[in-house]
Amino acid sequence: EDVDMTKTVSLRIDEELYNSLKVHAEAENRSISNFIETATMKYIEEIEYADELEMENILSNEGLVARIKQGTEDANSGRGRLV
């Protein structure tokens, strides 16, 4: 059983990107590895979750909200299929 949940990943990047990462990492007093990890997590969070403005737009669309509620009810009762 692997107790260490971290993984090592190697990647090739050009020198210009490396230098940019280094500058930004140093500005935040982080290692390049930590900077890449943090930036990646922020990116994933940004694309996976709706921000306040997006939520406001979603909630103001009554038809969409009704379809979401119906989909939730269908899923909870086992109707339909997950796509």
N, C-alpha and C. Protein backbone atom coordinates (compact mmCIF):
# COMPACT_ATOMS: atom_id res chain seq x y z
N GLU A 1 0.85 -1.19 0.00
CA GLU A 1 0.00 0.00 0.00
C GLU A 1 0.88 1.24 0.00
N ASP A 2 0.60 2.17 -0.90
CA ASP A 2 1.38 3.39 -1.04
C ASP A 2 0.84 4.44 -0.08
N VAL A 3 1.61 4.72 1.00
CA VAL A 3 1.19 5.68 2.00
C VAL A 3 1.36 7.12 1.49
N ASP A 4 2.43 7.36 0.72
CA ASP A 4 2.71 8.68 0.18
C ASP A 4 1.75 8.96 -0.97
N MET A 5 0.84 9.92 -0.80
CA MET A 5 -0.16 10.21 -1.81
C MET A 5 0.33 11.17 -2.88
N THR A 6 1.54 11.74 -2.71
CA THR A 6 2.05 12.65 -3.73
C THR A 6 2.71 11.86 -4.86
N LYS A 7 2.69 12.42 -6.01
CA LYS A 7 3.29 11.80 -7.20
C LYS A 7 4.29 12.77 -7.81
N THR A 8 5.31 12.24 -8.40
CA THR A 8 6.30 13.05 -9.10
C THR A 8 5.99 13.02 -10.58
N VAL A 9 5.99 14.19 -11.20
CA VAL A 9 5.70 14.31 -12.62
C VAL A 9 6.84 15.10 -13.26
N SER A 10 7.34 14.59 -14.36
CA SER A 10 8.37 15.31 -15.12
C SER A 10 7.72 15.89 -16.36
N LEU A 11 8.11 17.10 -16.73
CA LEU A 11 7.59 17.69 -17.95
C LEU A 11 8.67 18.52 -18.62
N ARG A 12 8.55 18.65 -19.92
CA ARG A 12 9.47 19.47 -20.70
C ARG A 12 8.79 20.78 -21.04
N ILE A 13 9.49 21.87 -20.76
CA ILE A 13 8.99 23.20 -21.11
C ILE A 13 10.14 23.98 -21.73
N ASP A 14 9.80 24.96 -22.55
CA ASP A 14 10.88 25.73 -23.16
C ASP A 14 11.46 26.72 -22.13
N GLU A 15 12.61 27.25 -22.46
CA GLU A 15 13.35 28.11 -21.53
C GLU A 15 12.58 29.37 -21.17
N GLU A 16 11.85 29.92 -22.13
CA GLU A 16 11.09 31.14 -21.88
C GLU A 16 10.01 30.90 -20.81
N LEU A 17 9.28 29.80 -20.94
CA LEU A 17 8.26 29.47 -19.94
C LEU A 17 8.91 29.18 -18.59
N TYR A 18 10.01 28.44 -18.60
CA TYR A 18 10.71 28.13 -17.35
C TYR A 18 11.11 29.43 -16.63
N ASN A 19 11.68 30.37 -17.38
CA ASN A 19 12.11 31.63 -16.76
C ASN A 19 10.93 32.41 -16.21
N SER A 20 9.81 32.38 -16.92
CA SER A 20 8.61 33.06 -16.45
C SER A 20 8.10 32.41 -15.16
N LEU A 21 8.06 31.07 -15.15
CA LEU A 21 7.63 30.37 -13.94
C LEU A 21 8.54 30.69 -12.77
N LYS A 22 9.83 30.72 -13.04
CA LYS A 22 10.82 31.01 -11.99
C LYS A 22 10.60 32.40 -11.39
N VAL A 23 10.39 33.40 -12.26
CA VAL A 23 10.17 34.77 -11.80
C VAL A 23 8.92 34.85 -10.92
N HIS A 24 7.83 34.25 -11.39
CA HIS A 24 6.58 34.30 -10.63
C HIS A 24 6.68 33.52 -9.32
N ALA A 25 7.33 32.38 -9.35
CA ALA A 25 7.50 31.57 -8.14
C ALA A 25 8.32 32.34 -7.11
N GLU A 26 9.41 32.96 -7.55
CA GLU A 26 10.25 33.73 -6.63
C GLU A 26 9.49 34.91 -6.05
N ALA A 27 8.64 35.54 -6.86
CA ALA A 27 7.85 36.69 -6.39
C ALA A 27 6.89 36.28 -5.28
N GLU A 28 6.45 35.02 -5.31
CA GLU A 28 5.53 34.51 -4.28
C GLU A 28 6.26 33.70 -3.22
N ASN A 29 7.60 33.70 -3.30
CA ASN A 29 8.43 32.96 -2.35
C ASN A 29 8.04 31.48 -2.33
N ARG A 30 7.89 30.91 -3.52
CA ARG A 30 7.53 29.50 -3.68
C ARG A 30 8.57 28.81 -4.55
N SER A 31 8.61 27.49 -4.44
CA SER A 31 9.42 26.73 -5.39
C SER A 31 8.66 26.71 -6.71
N ILE A 32 9.36 26.43 -7.79
CA ILE A 32 8.69 26.33 -9.09
C ILE A 32 7.64 25.23 -9.04
N SER A 33 7.99 24.11 -8.43
CA SER A 33 7.06 22.99 -8.33
C SER A 33 5.78 23.40 -7.59
N ASN A 34 5.94 24.09 -6.46
CA ASN A 34 4.78 24.53 -5.69
C ASN A 34 3.98 25.56 -6.46
N PHE A 35 4.66 26.45 -7.18
CA PHE A 35 3.96 27.46 -7.97
C PHE A 35 3.11 26.80 -9.05
N ILE A 36 3.68 25.81 -9.76
CA ILE A 36 2.93 25.10 -10.80
C ILE A 36 1.73 24.38 -10.19
N GLU A 37 1.94 23.70 -9.06
CA GLU A 37 0.85 22.98 -8.41
C GLU A 37 -0.27 23.95 -8.00
N THR A 38 0.09 25.06 -7.37
CA THR A 38 -0.90 26.04 -6.91
C THR A 38 -1.64 26.67 -8.09
N ALA A 39 -0.91 27.04 -9.13
CA ALA A 39 -1.54 27.64 -10.31
C ALA A 39 -2.49 26.66 -10.98
N THR A 40 -2.09 25.40 -11.03
CA THR A 40 -2.94 24.38 -11.64
C THR A 40 -4.21 24.17 -10.83
N MET A 41 -4.08 24.11 -9.51
CA MET A 41 -5.27 23.94 -8.66
C MET A 41 -6.21 25.13 -8.81
N LYS A 42 -5.67 26.35 -8.88
CA LYS A 42 -6.51 27.54 -9.08
C LYS A 42 -7.24 27.48 -10.41
N TYR A 43 -6.53 27.04 -11.46
CA TYR A 43 -7.14 26.92 -12.78
C TYR A 43 -8.28 25.91 -12.77
N ILE A 44 -8.04 24.75 -12.18
CA ILE A 44 -9.07 23.71 -12.13
C ILE A 44 -10.27 24.20 -11.34
N GLU A 45 -10.03 24.88 -10.22
CA GLU A 45 -11.14 25.42 -9.42
C GLU A 45 -11.93 26.43 -10.25
N GLU A 46 -11.24 27.25 -11.01
CA GLU A 46 -11.89 28.28 -11.82
C GLU A 46 -12.77 27.68 -12.91
N ILE A 47 -12.32 26.59 -13.54
CA ILE A 47 -13.12 26.04 -14.64
C ILE A 47 -14.19 25.07 -14.15
N GLU A 48 -14.06 24.54 -12.93
CA GLU A 48 -15.03 23.57 -12.44
C GLU A 48 -16.19 24.19 -11.68
N TYR A 49 -16.03 25.40 -11.18
CA TYR A 49 -17.06 26.02 -10.35
C TYR A 49 -17.50 27.35 -10.94
N ALA A 50 -18.76 27.66 -10.76
CA ALA A 50 -19.30 28.93 -11.24
C ALA A 50 -18.96 30.03 -10.25
N ASP A 51 -18.55 31.19 -10.76
CA ASP A 51 -18.32 32.32 -9.87
C ASP A 51 -19.65 33.01 -9.56
N GLU A 52 -19.60 34.07 -8.77
CA GLU A 52 -20.84 34.73 -8.32
C GLU A 52 -21.67 35.25 -9.50
N LEU A 53 -21.03 35.84 -10.49
CA LEU A 53 -21.76 36.38 -11.64
C LEU A 53 -22.41 35.26 -12.44
N GLU A 54 -21.67 34.17 -12.65
CA GLU A 54 -22.24 33.03 -13.37
C GLU A 54 -23.42 32.44 -12.61
N MET A 55 -23.29 32.31 -11.28
CA MET A 55 -24.40 31.78 -10.47
C MET A 55 -25.62 32.69 -10.56
N GLU A 56 -25.38 33.98 -10.54
CA GLU A 56 -26.48 34.94 -10.65
C GLU A 56 -27.21 34.77 -11.98
N ASN A 57 -26.43 34.59 -13.06
CA ASN A 57 -27.03 34.37 -14.38
C ASN A 57 -27.80 33.05 -14.44
N ILE A 58 -27.25 32.01 -13.85
CA ILE A 58 -27.92 30.70 -13.82
C ILE A 58 -29.23 30.80 -13.06
N LEU A 59 -29.17 31.38 -11.86
CA LEU A 59 -30.36 31.44 -11.00
C LEU A 59 -31.44 32.37 -11.55
N SER A 60 -31.05 33.32 -12.39
CA SER A 60 -32.06 34.23 -12.96
C SER A 60 -32.76 33.61 -14.17
N ASN A 61 -32.28 32.47 -14.64
CA ASN A 61 -32.89 31.79 -15.78
C ASN A 61 -33.87 30.74 -15.25
N GLU A 62 -35.14 31.12 -15.17
CA GLU A 62 -36.16 30.26 -14.55
C GLU A 62 -36.30 28.92 -15.25
N GLY A 63 -36.21 28.92 -16.56
CA GLY A 63 -36.33 27.66 -17.31
C GLY A 63 -35.19 26.71 -16.99
N LEU A 64 -33.99 27.25 -16.91
CA LEU A 64 -32.82 26.44 -16.58
C LEU A 64 -32.93 25.88 -15.16
N VAL A 65 -33.34 26.72 -14.23
CA VAL A 65 -33.49 26.28 -12.84
C VAL A 65 -34.52 25.17 -12.74
N ALA A 66 -35.62 25.30 -13.47
CA ALA A 66 -36.66 24.26 -13.46
C ALA A 66 -36.11 22.95 -14.01
N ARG A 67 -35.32 23.03 -15.10
CA ARG A 67 -34.73 21.80 -15.68
C ARG A 67 -33.71 21.17 -14.73
N ILE A 68 -32.95 22.00 -14.03
CA ILE A 68 -31.98 21.47 -13.06
C ILE A 68 -32.71 20.76 -11.93
N LYS A 69 -33.78 21.39 -11.43
CA LYS A 69 -34.56 20.76 -10.34
C LYS A 69 -35.17 19.44 -10.81
N GLN A 70 -35.71 19.42 -12.03
CA GLN A 70 -36.30 18.19 -12.56
C GLN A 70 -35.23 17.13 -12.73
N GLY A 71 -34.06 17.51 -13.23
CA GLY A 71 -32.96 16.56 -13.39
C GLY A 71 -32.50 16.00 -12.06
N THR A 72 -32.47 16.84 -11.03
CA THR A 72 -32.09 16.38 -9.69
C THR A 72 -33.11 15.39 -9.15
N GLU A 73 -34.39 15.70 -9.33
CA GLU A 73 -35.46 14.78 -8.89
C GLU A 73 -35.37 13.46 -9.64
N ASP A 74 -35.14 13.52 -10.95
CA ASP A 74 -35.01 12.30 -11.75
C ASP A 74 -33.83 11.46 -11.29
N ALA A 75 -32.70 12.12 -11.04
CA ALA A 75 -31.50 11.40 -10.60
C ALA A 75 -31.73 10.76 -9.24
N ASN A 76 -32.36 11.49 -8.33
CA ASN A 76 -32.62 10.96 -6.98
C ASN A 76 -33.57 9.77 -6.99
N SER A 77 -34.48 9.74 -7.97
CA SER A 77 -35.44 8.64 -8.04
C SER A 77 -34.96 7.52 -8.97
N GLY A 78 -33.77 7.69 -9.55
CA GLY A 78 -33.21 6.64 -10.40
C GLY A 78 -33.70 6.67 -11.84
N ARG A 79 -34.41 7.74 -12.23
CA ARG A 79 -34.86 7.85 -13.61
C ARG A 79 -33.76 8.48 -14.47
N GLY A 80 -33.73 8.11 -15.72
CA GLY A 80 -32.78 8.72 -16.64
C GLY A 80 -31.42 8.05 -16.53
N ARG A 81 -30.45 8.67 -17.20
CA ARG A 81 -29.10 8.13 -17.14
C ARG A 81 -28.11 9.28 -17.05
N LEU A 82 -27.01 9.01 -16.40
CA LEU A 82 -25.96 10.00 -16.25
C LEU A 82 -25.13 10.05 -17.51
N VAL A 83 -24.97 11.23 -18.08
CA VAL A 83 -24.20 11.38 -19.32
C VAL A 83 -22.91 12.10 -19.01
